[in-house]
C-alpha atoms as a PDB file:
ATOM      1  CA  MET A   1     122.172  60.292  67.456  1.00  0.00           C
ATOM      2  CA  ARG A   2     125.014  62.271  69.003  1.00  0.00           C
ATOM      3  CA  VAL A   3     123.430  65.575  67.865  1.00  0.00           C
ATOM      4  CA  ASN A   4     120.129  64.596  69.515  1.00  0.00           C
ATOM      5  CA  PHE A   5     121.926  63.850  72.780  1.00  0.00           C
ATOM      6  CA  PHE A   6     123.580  67.286  72.780  1.00  0.00           C
ATOM      7  CA  LEU A   7     120.270  69.000  71.953  1.00  0.00           C
ATOM      8  CA  ILE A   8     118.561  67.234  74.843  1.00  0.00           C
ATOM      9  CA  VAL A   9     121.368  68.224  77.239  1.00  0.00           C
ATOM     10  CA  LEU A  10     121.247  71.820  75.972  1.00  0.00           C
ATOM     11  CA  LEU A  11     117.462  72.002  76.449  1.00  0.00           C
ATOM     12  CA  LEU A  12     117.790  70.552  79.946  1.00  0.00           C
ATOM     13  CA  LEU A  13     120.433  73.129  80.867  1.00  0.00           C
ATOM     14  CA  LEU A  14     118.343  76.001  79.509  1.00  0.00           C
ATOM     15  CA  THR A  15     115.338  74.764  81.470  1.00  0.00           C
ATOM     16  CA  LEU A  16     117.361  74.550  84.687  1.00  0.00           C
ATOM     17  CA  ILE A  17     118.849  78.009  84.151  1.00  0.00           C
ATOM     18  CA  GLY A  18     115.378  79.435  83.535  1.00  0.00           C
ATOM     19  CA  CYS A  19     113.996  77.839  86.685  1.00  0.00           C
ATOM     20  CA  SER A  20     116.811  79.073  88.913  1.00  0.00           C
ATOM     21  CA  GLY A  21     116.064  82.761  88.406  1.00  0.00           C
ATOM     22  CA  LYS A  22     114.207  85.134  90.720  1.00  0.00           C
ATOM     23  CA  GLU A  23     110.702  84.219  91.758  1.00  0.00           C
ATOM     24  CA  TYR A  24     108.707  86.956  90.094  1.00  0.00           C
ATOM     25  CA  SER A  25     106.009  87.435  87.546  1.00  0.00           C
ATOM     26  CA  GLU A  26     106.262  89.266  84.285  1.00  0.00           C
ATOM     27  CA  PRO A  27     106.063  93.079  84.398  1.00  0.00           C
ATOM     28  CA  ASP A  28     102.592  94.648  84.217  1.00  0.00           C
ATOM     29  CA  THR A  29     101.045  91.825  86.266  1.00  0.00           C
ATOM     30  CA  LEU A  30     100.461  91.540  89.997  1.00  0.00           C
ATOM     31  CA  SER A  31      99.189  88.785  92.245  1.00  0.00           C
ATOM     32  CA  LYS A  32      99.100  87.725  95.869  1.00  0.00           C
ATOM     33  CA  GLU A  33     102.404  85.902  95.270  1.00  0.00           C
ATOM     34  CA  ASP A  34     104.030  89.301  94.648  1.00  0.00           C
ATOM     35  CA  LEU A  35     103.285  90.322  98.250  1.00  0.00           C
ATOM     36  CA  CYS A  36     106.294  88.493  99.711  1.00  0.00           C
ATOM     37  CA  ILE A  37     109.731  89.386 100.949  1.00  0.00           C
ATOM     38  CA  ILE A  38     112.660  86.996 100.747  1.00  0.00           C
ATOM     39  CA  LYS A  39     115.712  86.926 102.978  1.00  0.00           C
ATOM     40  CA  ILE A  40     118.525  87.041 100.441  1.00  0.00           C
ATOM     41  CA  GLU A  41     120.934  84.932 102.520  1.00  0.00           C
ATOM     42  CA  ASP A  42     118.731  81.832 102.870  1.00  0.00           C
ATOM     43  CA  SER A  43     115.700  82.448 100.593  1.00  0.00           C
ATOM     44  CA  LYS A  44     113.216  82.234 103.491  1.00  0.00           C
ATOM     45  CA  LYS A  45     109.960  84.003 102.641  1.00  0.00           C
ATOM     46  CA  VAL A  46     107.451  86.078 104.555  1.00  0.00           C
ATOM     47  CA  CYS A  47     104.245  86.512 102.566  1.00  0.00           C
ATOM     48  CA  TYR A  48     100.916  88.240 102.770  1.00  0.00           C
ATOM     49  CA  GLY A  49      98.462  85.895 104.485  1.00  0.00           C
ATOM     50  CA  MET A  50     101.089  83.979 106.522  1.00  0.00           C
ATOM     51  CA  SER A  51     100.397  83.316 110.168  1.00  0.00           C
ATOM     52  CA  LYS A  52     102.154  85.418 112.788  1.00  0.00           C
ATOM     53  CA  GLU A  53     103.652  82.246 114.219  1.00  0.00           C
ATOM     54  CA  ASP A  54     105.180  81.204 110.869  1.00  0.00           C
ATOM     55  CA  THR A  55     106.342  84.770 110.219  1.00  0.00           C
ATOM     56  CA  GLU A  56     108.137  84.973 113.563  1.00  0.00           C
ATOM     57  CA  GLU A  57     109.848  81.633 112.931  1.00  0.00           C
ATOM     58  CA  ILE A  58     111.557  83.414 110.027  1.00  0.00           C
ATOM     59  CA  LEU A  59     111.948  86.965 111.396  1.00  0.00           C
ATOM     60  CA  GLY A  60     112.399  86.161 115.085  1.00  0.00           C
ATOM     61  CA  ALA A  61     110.521  87.832 117.899  1.00  0.00           C
ATOM     62  CA  ALA A  62     109.292  91.363 117.348  1.00  0.00           C
ATOM     63  CA  LEU A  63     111.531  94.134 118.694  1.00  0.00           C
ATOM     64  CA  VAL A  64     108.510  96.394 119.115  1.00  0.00           C
ATOM     65  CA  GLU A  65     104.865  95.318 119.179  1.00  0.00           C
ATOM     66  CA  ASP A  66     102.168  97.828 118.391  1.00  0.00           C
ATOM     67  CA  SER A  67      98.458  97.582 117.694  1.00  0.00           C
ATOM     68  CA  PHE A  68      99.112  98.549 114.046  1.00  0.00           C
ATOM     69  CA  TYR A  69     102.324  96.649 113.268  1.00  0.00           C
ATOM     70  CA  ASN A  70     105.371  94.927 114.742  1.00  0.00           C
ATOM     71  CA  ASP A  71     108.986  95.926 114.082  1.00  0.00           C
ATOM     72  CA  TYR A  72     111.588  93.222 113.477  1.00  0.00           C
ATOM     73  CA  ASP A  73     115.354  93.168 112.906  1.00  0.00           C
ATOM     74  CA  PHE A  74     116.849  94.617 109.728  1.00  0.00           C
ATOM     75  CA  GLY A  75     114.160  97.205 108.987  1.00  0.00           C
ATOM     76  CA  VAL A  76     111.212  94.836 108.558  1.00  0.00           C
ATOM     77  CA  ARG A  77     107.785  95.927 109.782  1.00  0.00           C
ATOM     78  CA  VAL A  78     104.764  93.612 109.590  1.00  0.00           C
ATOM     79  CA  GLY A  79     101.105  94.431 110.221  1.00  0.00           C
ATOM     80  CA  TYR A  80      98.761  91.638 111.184  1.00  0.00           C
ATOM     81  CA  ARG A  81      95.024  91.179 110.892  1.00  0.00           C
ATOM     82  CA  GLU A  82      93.617  88.263 112.886  1.00  0.00           C
ATOM     83  CA  ASP A  83      97.218  87.011 113.307  1.00  0.00           C
ATOM     84  CA  LEU A  84      97.767  86.905 109.522  1.00  0.00           C
ATOM     85  CA  VAL A  85     100.184  89.148 107.598  1.00  0.00           C
ATOM     86  CA  ALA A  86      98.315  92.034 105.927  1.00  0.00           C
ATOM     87  CA  PHE A  87     101.179  94.551 105.554  1.00  0.00           C
ATOM     88  CA  ILE A  88     104.932  94.239 104.953  1.00  0.00           C
ATOM     89  CA  PHE A  89     107.321  97.195 105.035  1.00  0.00           C
ATOM     90  CA  LEU A  90     111.078  97.393 104.373  1.00  0.00           C
ATOM     91  CA  ASN A  91     113.224 100.410 105.267  1.00  0.00           C
ATOM     92  CA  TYR A  92     116.903 101.308 104.709  1.00  0.00           C
ATOM     93  CA  GLN A  93     118.095  98.710 107.257  1.00  0.00           C
ATOM     94  CA  SER A  94     116.777  95.909 105.021  1.00  0.00           C
ATOM     95  CA  LYS A  95     119.094  96.768 102.113  1.00  0.00           C
ATOM     96  CA  ASP A  96     121.009  93.716 100.864  1.00  0.00           C
ATOM     97  CA  ILE A  97     119.212  91.554 103.456  1.00  0.00           C
ATOM     98  CA  TYR A  98     115.623  91.411 102.165  1.00  0.00           C
ATOM     99  CA  GLN A  99     114.029  91.845  98.753  1.00  0.00           C
ATOM    100  CA  THR A 100     110.544  91.380  97.358  1.00  0.00           C
ATOM    101  CA  SER A 101     109.668  88.163  95.545  1.00  0.00           C
ATOM    102  CA  ARG A 102     110.364  90.094  92.319  1.00  0.00           C
ATOM    103  CA  GLY A 103     113.803  91.157  93.466  1.00  0.00           C
ATOM    104  CA  ALA A 104     113.091  94.777  94.469  1.00  0.00           C
ATOM    105  CA  GLN A 105     114.942  96.142  97.476  1.00  0.00           C
ATOM    106  CA  VAL A 106     115.720  99.408  99.187  1.00  0.00           C
ATOM    107  CA  GLY A 107     118.365 101.381  97.281  1.00  0.00           C
ATOM    108  CA  MET A 108     117.219 100.338  93.799  1.00  0.00           C
ATOM    109  CA  SER A 109     116.346 102.972  91.215  1.00  0.00           C
ATOM    110  CA  ARG A 110     112.942 103.971  89.908  1.00  0.00           C
ATOM    111  CA  GLU A 111     113.835 102.454  86.521  1.00  0.00           C
ATOM    112  CA  ASP A 112     114.783  99.149  88.182  1.00  0.00           C
ATOM    113  CA  ILE A 113     111.302  99.006  89.745  1.00  0.00           C
ATOM    114  CA  LYS A 114     109.604  99.778  86.448  1.00  0.00           C
ATOM    115  CA  ASN A 115     111.623  96.986  84.818  1.00  0.00           C
ATOM    116  CA  LEU A 116     110.496  94.539  87.513  1.00  0.00           C
ATOM    117  CA  TYR A 117     106.868  95.645  87.959  1.00  0.00           C
ATOM    118  CA  GLY A 118     106.129  97.362  84.663  1.00  0.00           C
ATOM    119  CA  SER A 119     105.354 100.834  83.368  1.00  0.00           C
ATOM    120  CA  LYS A 120     101.943 100.267  81.857  1.00  0.00           C
ATOM    121  CA  TYR A 121      99.874 100.389  85.080  1.00  0.00           C
ATOM    122  CA  VAL A 122     102.072 102.342  87.468  1.00  0.00           C
ATOM    123  CA  ASN A 123     100.737 105.310  89.425  1.00  0.00           C
ATOM    124  CA  GLU A 124     103.757 107.582  89.340  1.00  0.00           C
ATOM    125  CA  LEU A 125     104.250 110.608  91.556  1.00  0.00           C
ATOM    126  CA  ASP A 126     107.372 112.685  92.213  1.00  0.00           C
ATOM    127  CA  TYR A 127     108.622 110.515  95.051  1.00  0.00           C
ATOM    128  CA  GLU A 128     106.461 107.408  94.700  1.00  0.00           C
ATOM    129  CA  LEU A 129     105.508 104.518  92.467  1.00  0.00           C
ATOM    130  CA  ARG A 130     102.324 102.613  93.296  1.00  0.00           C
ATOM    131  CA  TYR A 131     100.656  99.597  91.785  1.00  0.00           C
ATOM    132  CA  ALA A 132      97.105  98.662  92.832  1.00  0.00           C
ATOM    133  CA  PHE A 133      95.572  95.478  91.492  1.00  0.00           C
ATOM    134  CA  ASP A 134      91.946  94.388  91.903  1.00  0.00           C
ATOM    135  CA  SER A 135      92.281  90.589  91.855  1.00  0.00           C
ATOM    136  CA  ASN A 136      88.483  90.084  91.811  1.00  0.00           C
ATOM    137  CA  ASN A 137      88.188  91.811  88.446  1.00  0.00           C
ATOM    138  CA  ASN A 138      91.762  91.113  87.322  1.00  0.00           C
ATOM    139  CA  ILE A 139      92.507  94.781  86.571  1.00  0.00           C
ATOM    140  CA  PHE A 140      94.958  97.421  87.702  1.00  0.00           C
ATOM    141  CA  LEU A 141      93.451 100.523  89.273  1.00  0.00           C
ATOM    142  CA  ASP A 142      94.652 103.948  88.249  1.00  0.00           C
ATOM    143  CA  TYR A 143      95.436 106.593  90.852  1.00  0.00           C
ATOM    144  CA  GLU A 144      92.123 108.432  90.607  1.00  0.00           C
ATOM    145  CA  MET A 145      90.048 105.245  90.614  1.00  0.00           C
ATOM    146  CA  ARG A 146      91.957 103.909  93.587  1.00  0.00           C
ATOM    147  CA  ASN A 147      91.595 107.053  95.681  1.00  0.00           C
ATOM    148  CA  ASN A 148      87.919 107.504  94.838  1.00  0.00           C
ATOM    149  CA  ASN A 149      86.781 103.909  95.033  1.00  0.00           C
ATOM    150  CA  LEU A 150      88.843 101.952  97.545  1.00  0.00           C
ATOM    151  CA  GLU A 151      87.061 103.365 100.580  1.00  0.00           C
ATOM    152  CA  SER A 152      83.717 102.322  99.119  1.00  0.00           C
ATOM    153  CA  LEU A 153      84.754  98.678  98.686  1.00  0.00           C
ATOM    154  CA  ASN A 154      83.463  96.053 101.070  1.00  0.00           C
ATOM    155  CA  ILE A 155      85.969  94.313 103.334  1.00  0.00           C
ATOM    156  CA  GLU A 156      86.324  91.215 101.156  1.00  0.00           C
ATOM    157  CA  ASP A 157      87.019  93.320  98.058  1.00  0.00           C
ATOM    158  CA  MET A 158      89.552  95.418  99.983  1.00  0.00           C
ATOM    159  CA  GLU A 159      91.389  92.225 100.919  1.00  0.00           C
ATOM    160  CA  LYS A 160      91.513  91.234  97.229  1.00  0.00           C
ATOM    161  CA  THR A 161      93.017  94.577  96.169  1.00  0.00           C
ATOM    162  CA  TYR A 162      96.807  94.232  96.354  1.00  0.00           C
ATOM    163  CA  ILE A 163      99.072  97.254  96.582  1.00  0.00           C
ATOM    164  CA  THR A 164     102.812  97.645  96.134  1.00  0.00           C
ATOM    165  CA  HIS A 165     104.240 101.029  97.068  1.00  0.00           C
ATOM    166  CA  PHE A 166     107.762 102.380  96.598  1.00  0.00           C
ATOM    167  CA  SER A 167     108.944 105.680  98.093  1.00  0.00           C
ATOM    168  CA  PHE A 168     112.042 107.386  96.661  1.00  0.00           C
ATOM    169  CA  LEU A 169     114.745 109.700  97.935  1.00  0.00           C
ATOM    170  CA  ASP A 170     115.918 112.793  96.017  1.00  0.00           C
ATOM    171  CA  ASP A 171     118.452 110.651  94.125  1.00  0.00           C
ATOM    172  CA  ASP A 172     115.583 108.478  92.814  1.00  0.00           C
ATOM    173  CA  THR A 173     116.519 105.378  94.830  1.00  0.00           C
ATOM    174  CA  ILE A 174     114.062 103.508  97.041  1.00  0.00           C
ATOM    175  CA  GLU A 175     113.883 104.774 100.609  1.00  0.00           C
ATOM    176  CA  PHE A 176     111.249 102.246 101.675  1.00  0.00           C
ATOM    177  CA  LEU A 177     108.671  99.894 100.179  1.00  0.00           C
ATOM    178  CA  SER A 178     105.341  98.435 101.270  1.00  0.00           C
ATOM    179  CA  LEU A 179     103.288  95.394 100.247  1.00  0.00           C
ATOM    180  CA  LEU A 180      99.705  95.294 101.514  1.00  0.00           C
ATOM    181  CA  ASP A 181      96.006  95.065 100.778  1.00  0.00           C
ATOM    182  CA  ALA A 182      93.562  97.981 100.587  1.00  0.00           C
ATOM    183  CA  ARG A 183      91.809  96.985 103.801  1.00  0.00           C
ATOM    184  CA  TYR A 184      94.980  97.596 105.758  1.00  0.00           C
ATOM    185  CA  ILE A 185      95.133 101.177 104.465  1.00  0.00           C
ATOM    186  CA  PHE A 186      91.627 102.086 105.588  1.00  0.00           C
ATOM    187  CA  ASN A 187      90.758  99.800 108.471  1.00  0.00           C
ATOM    188  CA  TRP A 188      93.972  98.745 110.210  1.00  0.00           C
ATOM    189  CA  ASN A 189      92.113  95.716 111.544  1.00  0.00           C
END
């Protein structure tokens, strides 16, 4: 009886420890839930598809408003489409303040990103890592397919193609990162 009690407590503790980790998916997968940033201090999230009103409750008022995107404190840039988040960008000012829902942040290494997002479907260039996921067909797109086919997609399909992009400095650490859909790349509206 006493052994059973300790096993139950141990299982409960392991479950709680497992649930308290970062909010990210397994490597080599991507979903709409991966298109979020989290303020490290208080765990408040800004996600793709959120309303501008809800976003500004978390980020505060925009420092600069533009027709393509708005700039906020701490190196956060957000692009809206019909007052919904379609693009999120973090630069060097966001380091140690914001991270993606998987835990990626400016200053991390290329290998850290591959550990978080995977190596199987990455489009890797000298100073960039890109992941493009077609959620309609549940497949990753390779670099050539993405460049040749994204512009030919209809608007709805572009909105269902999720992209994470990481740009690196010479020392192979992240300079900036972007989370967006394909429509934002080609249409801006």
